[in-house]
């Protein structure tokens, strides 16, 4: 089901983002992360929608897409998006992959779904504290070794990017 809406290209720190209106986000299949494809001012794109921690979603707009659309920060764009079932692989940071490799868990990692890899990645990255991040990487390795496919007790509806959120809620 296509979702049509208009939104303003905004920024939080160095991140350029689009926040979905709540009534548009409510049409999505999940309050958690959702993969979408669509158009922005008739230019095609594909992106993960991150939850904003308040019941809606947002996504980072790449510099390439901004250039193609030709719209500066503060301008309104027209969007037409569809949720898709094809999950793109998350870009896993080196510290996480090094730990998985060192622990001999590549086969475990590759055996879980792409969506599950997103959950592990999002859970690990949702802290600014380096010690907490290291502990989460260690816990992830331990749980993967035991056969766990996803982190437990992880609120998928929270924003997990500390650069743009506070306590799991997108900064206004």
Protein backbone atom coordinates (compact mmCIF):
# COMPACT_ATOMS: atom_id res chain seq x y z
CA UNK A 1 0.00 0.00 0.00
CA UNK A 2 1.53 3.31 -1.08
CA UNK A 3 1.70 6.11 1.45
CA UNK A 4 1.68 9.66 0.07
CA UNK A 5 2.66 12.66 2.20
CA UNK A 6 4.59 15.90 2.26
CA UNK A 7 7.36 16.58 4.75
CA UNK A 8 10.09 19.11 5.39
CA UNK A 9 13.73 18.24 4.93
CA UNK A 10 15.27 19.08 8.30
CA UNK A 11 18.49 18.44 10.14
CA UNK A 12 19.65 17.34 13.57
CA UNK A 13 23.33 18.13 13.98
CA UNK A 14 24.94 16.95 10.72
CA UNK A 15 22.13 14.49 9.92
CA UNK A 16 19.67 15.46 7.17
CA UNK A 17 16.34 13.81 7.85
CA UNK A 18 12.69 13.49 6.93
CA UNK A 19 10.22 12.92 9.76
CA UNK A 20 7.06 11.12 8.71
CA UNK A 21 3.76 12.65 9.80
CA UNK A 22 2.20 10.41 12.47
CA UNK A 23 -0.85 9.64 10.30
CA UNK A 24 1.44 8.41 7.51
CA UNK A 25 3.61 6.37 9.87
CA UNK A 26 0.53 4.69 11.34
CA UNK A 27 -0.06 3.04 7.95
CA UNK A 28 3.24 1.15 8.19
CA UNK A 29 3.30 -2.52 9.27
CA UNK A 30 5.45 -1.90 12.38
CA UNK A 31 6.28 0.71 15.02
CA UNK A 32 9.87 -0.60 14.77
CA UNK A 33 12.31 -0.27 11.90
CA UNK A 34 10.73 -0.66 8.45
CA UNK A 35 12.42 -0.93 5.05
CA UNK A 36 10.89 1.24 2.36
CA UNK A 37 11.25 2.13 -1.26
CA UNK A 38 9.68 5.14 -2.79
CA UNK A 39 10.11 8.48 -4.42
CA UNK A 40 10.96 11.92 -3.15
CA UNK A 41 9.85 14.56 -5.65
CA UNK A 42 9.75 11.71 -8.21
CA UNK A 43 13.35 10.60 -7.50
CA UNK A 44 13.57 6.92 -6.46
CA UNK A 45 15.21 5.85 -3.21
CA UNK A 46 15.40 2.95 -0.76
CA UNK A 47 15.90 3.42 3.00
CA UNK A 48 15.36 2.02 6.46
CA UNK A 49 12.80 3.99 8.48
CA UNK A 50 13.98 4.35 12.04
CA UNK A 51 11.36 4.68 14.80
CA UNK A 52 11.34 8.08 16.49
CA UNK A 53 10.42 6.76 19.96
CA UNK A 54 7.12 8.67 19.85
CA UNK A 55 5.09 6.33 17.59
CA UNK A 56 6.27 7.63 14.23
CA UNK A 57 9.31 7.15 11.96
CA UNK A 58 12.08 9.12 10.26
CA UNK A 59 14.91 8.45 7.85
CA UNK A 60 18.28 9.90 6.98
CA UNK A 61 18.40 11.53 3.55
CA UNK A 62 21.69 10.94 1.77
CA UNK A 63 23.61 13.84 0.26
CA UNK A 64 23.24 12.14 -3.13
CA UNK A 65 19.45 12.10 -2.83
CA UNK A 66 19.41 15.72 -1.65
CA UNK A 67 21.44 16.72 -4.73
CA UNK A 68 19.19 14.71 -7.07
CA UNK A 69 16.03 16.20 -5.56
CA UNK A 70 17.56 19.67 -5.50
CA UNK A 71 15.85 20.77 -2.30
CA UNK A 72 17.65 22.60 0.53
CA UNK A 73 17.10 22.08 4.25
CA UNK A 74 13.80 23.67 5.32
CA UNK A 75 11.96 22.95 2.06
CA UNK A 76 8.98 20.63 1.70
CA UNK A 77 9.16 17.51 -0.46
CA UNK A 78 6.50 15.12 -1.76
CA UNK A 79 6.98 11.48 -0.86
CA UNK A 80 5.39 8.25 -2.02
CA UNK A 81 6.65 5.25 -0.04
CA UNK A 82 5.92 1.55 0.25
CA UNK A 83 7.06 -0.81 3.00
CA UNK A 84 9.02 -3.69 1.51
CA UNK A 85 9.93 -7.16 2.78
CA UNK A 86 13.41 -7.15 1.25
CA UNK A 87 15.75 -6.04 4.01
CA UNK A 88 19.05 -4.50 3.00
CA UNK A 89 22.05 -5.56 5.05
CA UNK A 90 23.01 -3.13 7.80
CA UNK A 91 26.50 -1.65 7.60
CA UNK A 92 28.03 -3.35 10.60
CA UNK A 93 30.84 -1.38 12.26
CA UNK A 94 34.30 -2.90 12.41
CA UNK A 95 34.33 -3.38 16.20
CA UNK A 96 31.24 -5.58 16.03
CA UNK A 97 32.42 -7.66 13.08
CA UNK A 98 35.90 -8.04 14.61
CA UNK A 99 34.36 -9.46 17.79
CA UNK A 100 32.10 -11.83 15.85
CA UNK A 101 35.04 -13.00 13.73
CA UNK A 102 37.43 -13.37 16.69
CA UNK A 103 34.81 -15.41 18.57
CA UNK A 104 34.44 -17.72 15.55
CA UNK A 105 30.79 -16.77 15.12
CA UNK A 106 30.64 -15.85 11.43
CA UNK A 107 28.57 -18.95 10.62
CA UNK A 108 26.18 -18.09 13.49
CA UNK A 109 25.96 -14.49 12.27
CA UNK A 110 25.30 -15.56 8.69
CA UNK A 111 22.66 -18.07 9.83
CA UNK A 112 20.36 -15.42 11.31
CA UNK A 113 18.06 -13.28 9.18
CA UNK A 114 18.98 -9.84 7.93
CA UNK A 115 16.22 -8.43 10.12
CA UNK A 116 17.79 -10.14 13.16
CA UNK A 117 21.20 -8.66 12.25
CA UNK A 118 19.51 -5.23 12.22
CA UNK A 119 18.17 -5.93 15.74
CA UNK A 120 21.64 -6.84 17.07
CA UNK A 121 23.20 -3.83 15.35
CA UNK A 122 20.51 -1.43 16.60
CA UNK A 123 20.72 -2.73 20.17
CA UNK A 124 24.51 -2.40 20.25
CA UNK A 125 24.60 1.09 18.72
CA UNK A 126 21.89 2.53 20.97
CA UNK A 127 24.39 3.73 23.57
CA UNK A 128 26.95 6.53 23.56
CA UNK A 129 28.94 4.90 26.35
CA UNK A 130 31.94 2.96 24.92
CA UNK A 131 32.00 0.56 27.91
CA UNK A 132 28.31 -0.25 27.48
CA UNK A 133 28.83 -0.74 23.75
CA UNK A 134 31.73 -3.16 24.40
CA UNK A 135 29.63 -5.05 26.96
CA UNK A 136 26.75 -5.33 24.46
CA UNK A 137 29.11 -6.67 21.80
CA UNK A 138 30.37 -9.29 24.28
CA UNK A 139 26.80 -10.19 25.28
CA UNK A 140 25.78 -10.45 21.62
CA UNK A 141 28.66 -12.86 20.94
CA UNK A 142 27.75 -14.94 23.99
CA UNK A 143 24.10 -15.10 23.01
CA UNK A 144 24.89 -15.93 19.38
CA UNK A 145 27.10 -18.77 20.62
CA UNK A 146 24.17 -20.09 22.68
CA UNK A 147 21.96 -19.97 19.58
CA UNK A 148 19.98 -16.82 20.37
CA UNK A 149 18.82 -15.17 17.18
CA UNK A 150 17.91 -11.72 18.57
CA UNK A 151 18.66 -9.55 21.60
CA UNK A 152 16.12 -9.94 24.36
CA UNK A 153 14.32 -7.13 26.13
CA UNK A 154 15.05 -4.70 23.27
CA UNK A 155 12.41 -2.02 22.62
CA UNK A 156 12.30 -1.92 18.81
CA UNK A 157 10.12 1.22 18.85
CA UNK A 158 12.91 3.43 20.21
CA UNK A 159 15.35 5.48 18.13
CA UNK A 160 18.74 3.77 18.38
CA UNK A 161 21.02 6.44 16.96
CA UNK A 162 22.48 8.46 19.85
CA UNK A 163 23.62 11.26 17.52
CA UNK A 164 20.00 12.24 16.88
CA UNK A 165 18.17 10.95 19.94
CA UNK A 166 18.01 11.21 23.70
CA UNK A 167 16.77 8.27 25.74
CA UNK A 168 15.51 6.58 22.58
CA UNK A 169 13.46 9.56 21.38
CA UNK A 170 14.35 11.57 18.28
CA UNK A 171 15.49 15.09 19.20
CA UNK A 172 13.04 17.79 18.10
